[in-house]
Amino acid sequence: MTETPTTAPPLEKVSQDEMLVQFKTRYSNLIEENKALAGKIRENEATALKLQGAIEALEYYNPPEEGTVDNLSDSPPETTTED
């Protein structure tokens, strides 16, 4: 039985000093990206809280009429089955 040799991509030879520089650069870039994403999360949370307050205020001053469907409700609509 003859096997065909697999062709692996050529190995890239990098010095340890160059590798260290690359790793430090990647690490600092990831830290900065995490800081930016954390800031965006805080911004989104603040906006969500404001929207929640506005929704609650509007619902308090303008309660939904009977028969109006509340699409924002977490609970599914009740269904009845006939046996």
N, C-alpha and C. Protein backbone atom coordinates (compact mmCIF):
# COMPACT_ATOMS: atom_id res chain seq x y z
N MET A 1 0.85 -1.17 0.00
CA MET A 1 0.00 0.00 0.00
C MET A 1 0.90 1.24 0.00
N THR A 2 0.68 2.13 -0.92
CA THR A 2 1.50 3.34 -0.97
C THR A 2 0.69 4.52 -0.48
N GLU A 3 1.33 5.34 0.31
CA GLU A 3 0.67 6.53 0.85
C GLU A 3 1.19 7.75 0.13
N THR A 4 0.30 8.66 -0.12
CA THR A 4 0.73 9.91 -0.74
C THR A 4 1.14 10.86 0.37
N PRO A 5 2.24 11.53 0.20
CA PRO A 5 2.68 12.46 1.25
C PRO A 5 1.72 13.65 1.33
N THR A 6 1.43 14.04 2.56
CA THR A 6 0.56 15.20 2.74
C THR A 6 1.40 16.45 2.59
N THR A 7 0.82 17.43 1.99
CA THR A 7 1.55 18.69 1.82
C THR A 7 1.11 19.65 2.90
N ALA A 8 2.00 19.86 3.83
CA ALA A 8 1.74 20.80 4.92
C ALA A 8 2.24 22.17 4.50
N PRO A 9 1.60 23.20 5.01
CA PRO A 9 2.09 24.54 4.67
C PRO A 9 3.50 24.71 5.23
N PRO A 10 4.30 25.49 4.56
CA PRO A 10 5.68 25.68 5.05
C PRO A 10 5.67 26.37 6.42
N LEU A 11 6.60 25.96 7.26
CA LEU A 11 6.70 26.57 8.58
C LEU A 11 7.32 27.94 8.46
N GLU A 12 6.77 28.86 9.20
CA GLU A 12 7.31 30.21 9.19
C GLU A 12 8.28 30.31 10.35
N LYS A 13 9.49 30.68 10.05
CA LYS A 13 10.51 30.76 11.09
C LYS A 13 10.62 32.21 11.54
N VAL A 14 10.35 32.42 12.84
CA VAL A 14 10.38 33.75 13.42
C VAL A 14 11.26 33.69 14.65
N SER A 15 12.05 34.70 14.84
CA SER A 15 12.91 34.72 16.03
C SER A 15 12.06 34.94 17.27
N GLN A 16 12.58 34.54 18.40
CA GLN A 16 11.83 34.69 19.65
C GLN A 16 11.60 36.15 19.99
N ASP A 17 12.57 36.99 19.67
CA ASP A 17 12.40 38.42 19.93
C ASP A 17 11.26 39.00 19.09
N GLU A 18 11.22 38.60 17.82
CA GLU A 18 10.15 39.08 16.94
C GLU A 18 8.79 38.53 17.40
N MET A 19 8.78 37.27 17.81
CA MET A 19 7.55 36.65 18.30
C MET A 19 7.06 37.37 19.55
N LEU A 20 7.97 37.73 20.43
CA LEU A 20 7.61 38.44 21.66
C LEU A 20 6.98 39.80 21.32
N VAL A 21 7.56 40.49 20.37
CA VAL A 21 7.01 41.79 19.95
C VAL A 21 5.62 41.60 19.38
N GLN A 22 5.44 40.59 18.53
CA GLN A 22 4.12 40.33 17.94
C GLN A 22 3.09 40.00 19.01
N PHE A 23 3.46 39.16 19.98
CA PHE A 23 2.53 38.79 21.04
C PHE A 23 2.15 39.99 21.89
N LYS A 24 3.12 40.83 22.22
CA LYS A 24 2.83 42.02 23.02
C LYS A 24 1.90 42.97 22.27
N THR A 25 2.12 43.10 20.97
CA THR A 25 1.26 43.96 20.16
C THR A 25 -0.16 43.42 20.12
N ARG A 26 -0.28 42.14 19.86
CA ARG A 26 -1.62 41.51 19.83
C ARG A 26 -2.31 41.64 21.18
N TYR A 27 -1.55 41.43 22.26
CA TYR A 27 -2.10 41.52 23.61
C TYR A 27 -2.62 42.93 23.89
N SER A 28 -1.81 43.94 23.58
CA SER A 28 -2.25 45.31 23.85
C SER A 28 -3.45 45.69 22.98
N ASN A 29 -3.49 45.20 21.74
CA ASN A 29 -4.65 45.46 20.89
C ASN A 29 -5.91 44.83 21.46
N LEU A 30 -5.79 43.61 21.99
CA LEU A 30 -6.96 42.95 22.59
C LEU A 30 -7.42 43.69 23.84
N ILE A 31 -6.50 44.16 24.65
CA ILE A 31 -6.87 44.92 25.86
C ILE A 31 -7.62 46.18 25.47
N GLU A 32 -7.13 46.89 24.46
CA GLU A 32 -7.80 48.12 24.01
C GLU A 32 -9.18 47.80 23.44
N GLU A 33 -9.29 46.72 22.68
CA GLU A 33 -10.58 46.33 22.12
C GLU A 33 -11.56 45.99 23.23
N ASN A 34 -11.10 45.28 24.26
CA ASN A 34 -11.96 44.95 25.40
C ASN A 34 -12.45 46.20 26.11
N LYS A 35 -11.57 47.18 26.27
CA LYS A 35 -11.98 48.44 26.91
C LYS A 35 -13.06 49.14 26.09
N ALA A 36 -12.89 49.15 24.78
CA ALA A 36 -13.88 49.79 23.92
C ALA A 36 -15.21 49.05 23.98
N LEU A 37 -15.17 47.73 23.96
CA LEU A 37 -16.40 46.95 24.03
C LEU A 37 -17.08 47.11 25.39
N ALA A 38 -16.30 47.18 26.46
CA ALA A 38 -16.88 47.38 27.79
C ALA A 38 -17.57 48.74 27.86
N GLY A 39 -16.97 49.75 27.25
CA GLY A 39 -17.60 51.06 27.20
C GLY A 39 -18.91 51.04 26.43
N LYS A 40 -18.92 50.32 25.33
CA LYS A 40 -20.13 50.20 24.52
C LYS A 40 -21.23 49.47 25.30
N ILE A 41 -20.84 48.44 26.06
CA ILE A 41 -21.82 47.72 26.88
C ILE A 41 -22.42 48.64 27.92
N ARG A 42 -21.59 49.42 28.59
CA ARG A 42 -22.10 50.37 29.60
C ARG A 42 -23.05 51.38 28.95
N GLU A 43 -22.69 51.85 27.77
CA GLU A 43 -23.54 52.80 27.05
C GLU A 43 -24.88 52.17 26.70
N ASN A 44 -24.86 50.93 26.22
CA ASN A 44 -26.09 50.23 25.87
C ASN A 44 -26.96 49.98 27.11
N GLU A 45 -26.33 49.64 28.23
CA GLU A 45 -27.09 49.41 29.46
C GLU A 45 -27.79 50.69 29.91
N ALA A 46 -27.07 51.82 29.82
CA ALA A 46 -27.67 53.10 30.22
C ALA A 46 -28.86 53.44 29.31
N THR A 47 -28.69 53.23 28.02
CA THR A 47 -29.77 53.50 27.07
C THR A 47 -30.96 52.58 27.34
N ALA A 48 -30.67 51.30 27.62
CA ALA A 48 -31.75 50.35 27.89
C ALA A 48 -32.53 50.75 29.15
N LEU A 49 -31.84 51.21 30.17
CA LEU A 49 -32.53 51.65 31.39
C LEU A 49 -33.41 52.87 31.12
N LYS A 50 -32.92 53.79 30.32
CA LYS A 50 -33.73 54.97 29.97
C LYS A 50 -34.97 54.55 29.18
N LEU A 51 -34.78 53.65 28.24
CA LEU A 51 -35.93 53.18 27.45
C LEU A 51 -36.93 52.43 28.33
N GLN A 52 -36.43 51.64 29.25
CA GLN A 52 -37.32 50.91 30.15
C GLN A 52 -38.14 51.89 30.99
N GLY A 53 -37.50 52.95 31.48
CA GLY A 53 -38.21 53.96 32.25
C GLY A 53 -39.26 54.67 31.42
N ALA A 54 -38.91 54.99 30.19
CA ALA A 54 -39.86 55.66 29.30
C ALA A 54 -41.05 54.75 28.99
N ILE A 55 -40.77 53.46 28.76
CA ILE A 55 -41.86 52.51 28.49
C ILE A 55 -42.79 52.41 29.68
N GLU A 56 -42.21 52.29 30.88
CA GLU A 56 -43.03 52.17 32.08
C GLU A 56 -43.88 53.42 32.30
N ALA A 57 -43.29 54.59 32.06
CA ALA A 57 -44.04 55.84 32.22
C ALA A 57 -45.19 55.91 31.22
N LEU A 58 -44.92 55.58 29.97
CA LEU A 58 -45.97 55.62 28.96
C LEU A 58 -47.07 54.62 29.27
N GLU A 59 -46.70 53.43 29.73
CA GLU A 59 -47.72 52.44 30.07
C GLU A 59 -48.53 52.87 31.29
N TYR A 60 -47.90 53.59 32.22
CA TYR A 60 -48.61 54.05 33.42
C TYR A 60 -49.63 55.13 33.04
N TYR A 61 -49.20 56.10 32.23
CA TYR A 61 -50.09 57.20 31.87
C TYR A 61 -51.05 56.84 30.75
N ASN A 62 -50.74 55.86 29.96
CA ASN A 62 -51.60 55.42 28.87
C ASN A 62 -51.73 53.91 28.91
N PRO A 63 -52.52 53.40 29.85
CA PRO A 63 -52.63 51.94 29.94
C PRO A 63 -53.26 51.38 28.66
N PRO A 64 -52.82 50.18 28.27
CA PRO A 64 -53.40 49.60 27.05
C PRO A 64 -54.89 49.33 27.23
N GLU A 65 -55.62 49.54 26.15
CA GLU A 65 -57.07 49.31 26.20
C GLU A 65 -57.33 47.82 26.24
N GLU A 66 -58.51 47.46 26.72
CA GLU A 66 -58.89 46.05 26.74
C GLU A 66 -58.91 45.53 25.31
N GLY A 67 -58.39 44.35 25.11
CA GLY A 67 -58.37 43.75 23.79
C GLY A 67 -57.14 44.12 22.98
N THR A 68 -56.33 45.05 23.49
CA THR A 68 -55.12 45.43 22.79
C THR A 68 -54.05 44.38 23.08
N VAL A 69 -53.33 43.97 22.06
CA VAL A 69 -52.29 42.97 22.22
C VAL A 69 -50.99 43.66 22.60
N ASP A 70 -50.35 43.15 23.65
CA ASP A 70 -49.07 43.68 24.10
C ASP A 70 -47.97 42.83 23.49
N ASN A 71 -47.31 43.32 22.44
CA ASN A 71 -46.27 42.56 21.77
C ASN A 71 -44.97 42.53 22.55
N LEU A 72 -44.80 43.36 23.58
CA LEU A 72 -43.57 43.40 24.34
C LEU A 72 -43.59 42.44 25.52
N SER A 73 -44.70 41.81 25.75
CA SER A 73 -44.83 40.90 26.88
C SER A 73 -43.95 39.68 26.69
N ASP A 74 -43.34 39.21 27.79
CA ASP A 74 -42.50 38.02 27.74
C ASP A 74 -43.32 36.75 27.69
N SER A 75 -44.56 36.82 28.16
CA SER A 75 -45.37 35.60 28.21
C SER A 75 -46.10 35.40 26.90
N PRO A 76 -46.15 34.16 26.42
CA PRO A 76 -46.86 33.90 25.17
C PRO A 76 -48.35 34.07 25.35
N PRO A 77 -49.10 34.37 24.31
CA PRO A 77 -50.54 34.52 24.45
C PRO A 77 -51.16 33.18 24.84
N GLU A 78 -52.23 33.29 25.62
CA GLU A 78 -52.90 32.07 26.06
C GLU A 78 -53.69 31.50 24.91
N THR A 79 -53.61 30.19 24.77
CA THR A 79 -54.36 29.53 23.73
C THR A 79 -55.27 28.49 24.39
N THR A 80 -56.42 28.34 23.81
CA THR A 80 -57.36 27.35 24.33
C THR A 80 -57.48 26.25 23.31
N THR A 81 -57.57 25.04 23.80
CA THR A 81 -57.75 23.91 22.90
C THR A 81 -59.10 23.27 23.20
N GLU A 82 -59.78 22.91 22.14
CA GLU A 82 -61.07 22.26 22.31
C GLU A 82 -60.87 20.77 22.21
N ASP A 83 -61.38 20.04 23.19
CA ASP A 83 -61.25 18.58 23.20
C ASP A 83 -62.48 17.91 22.66
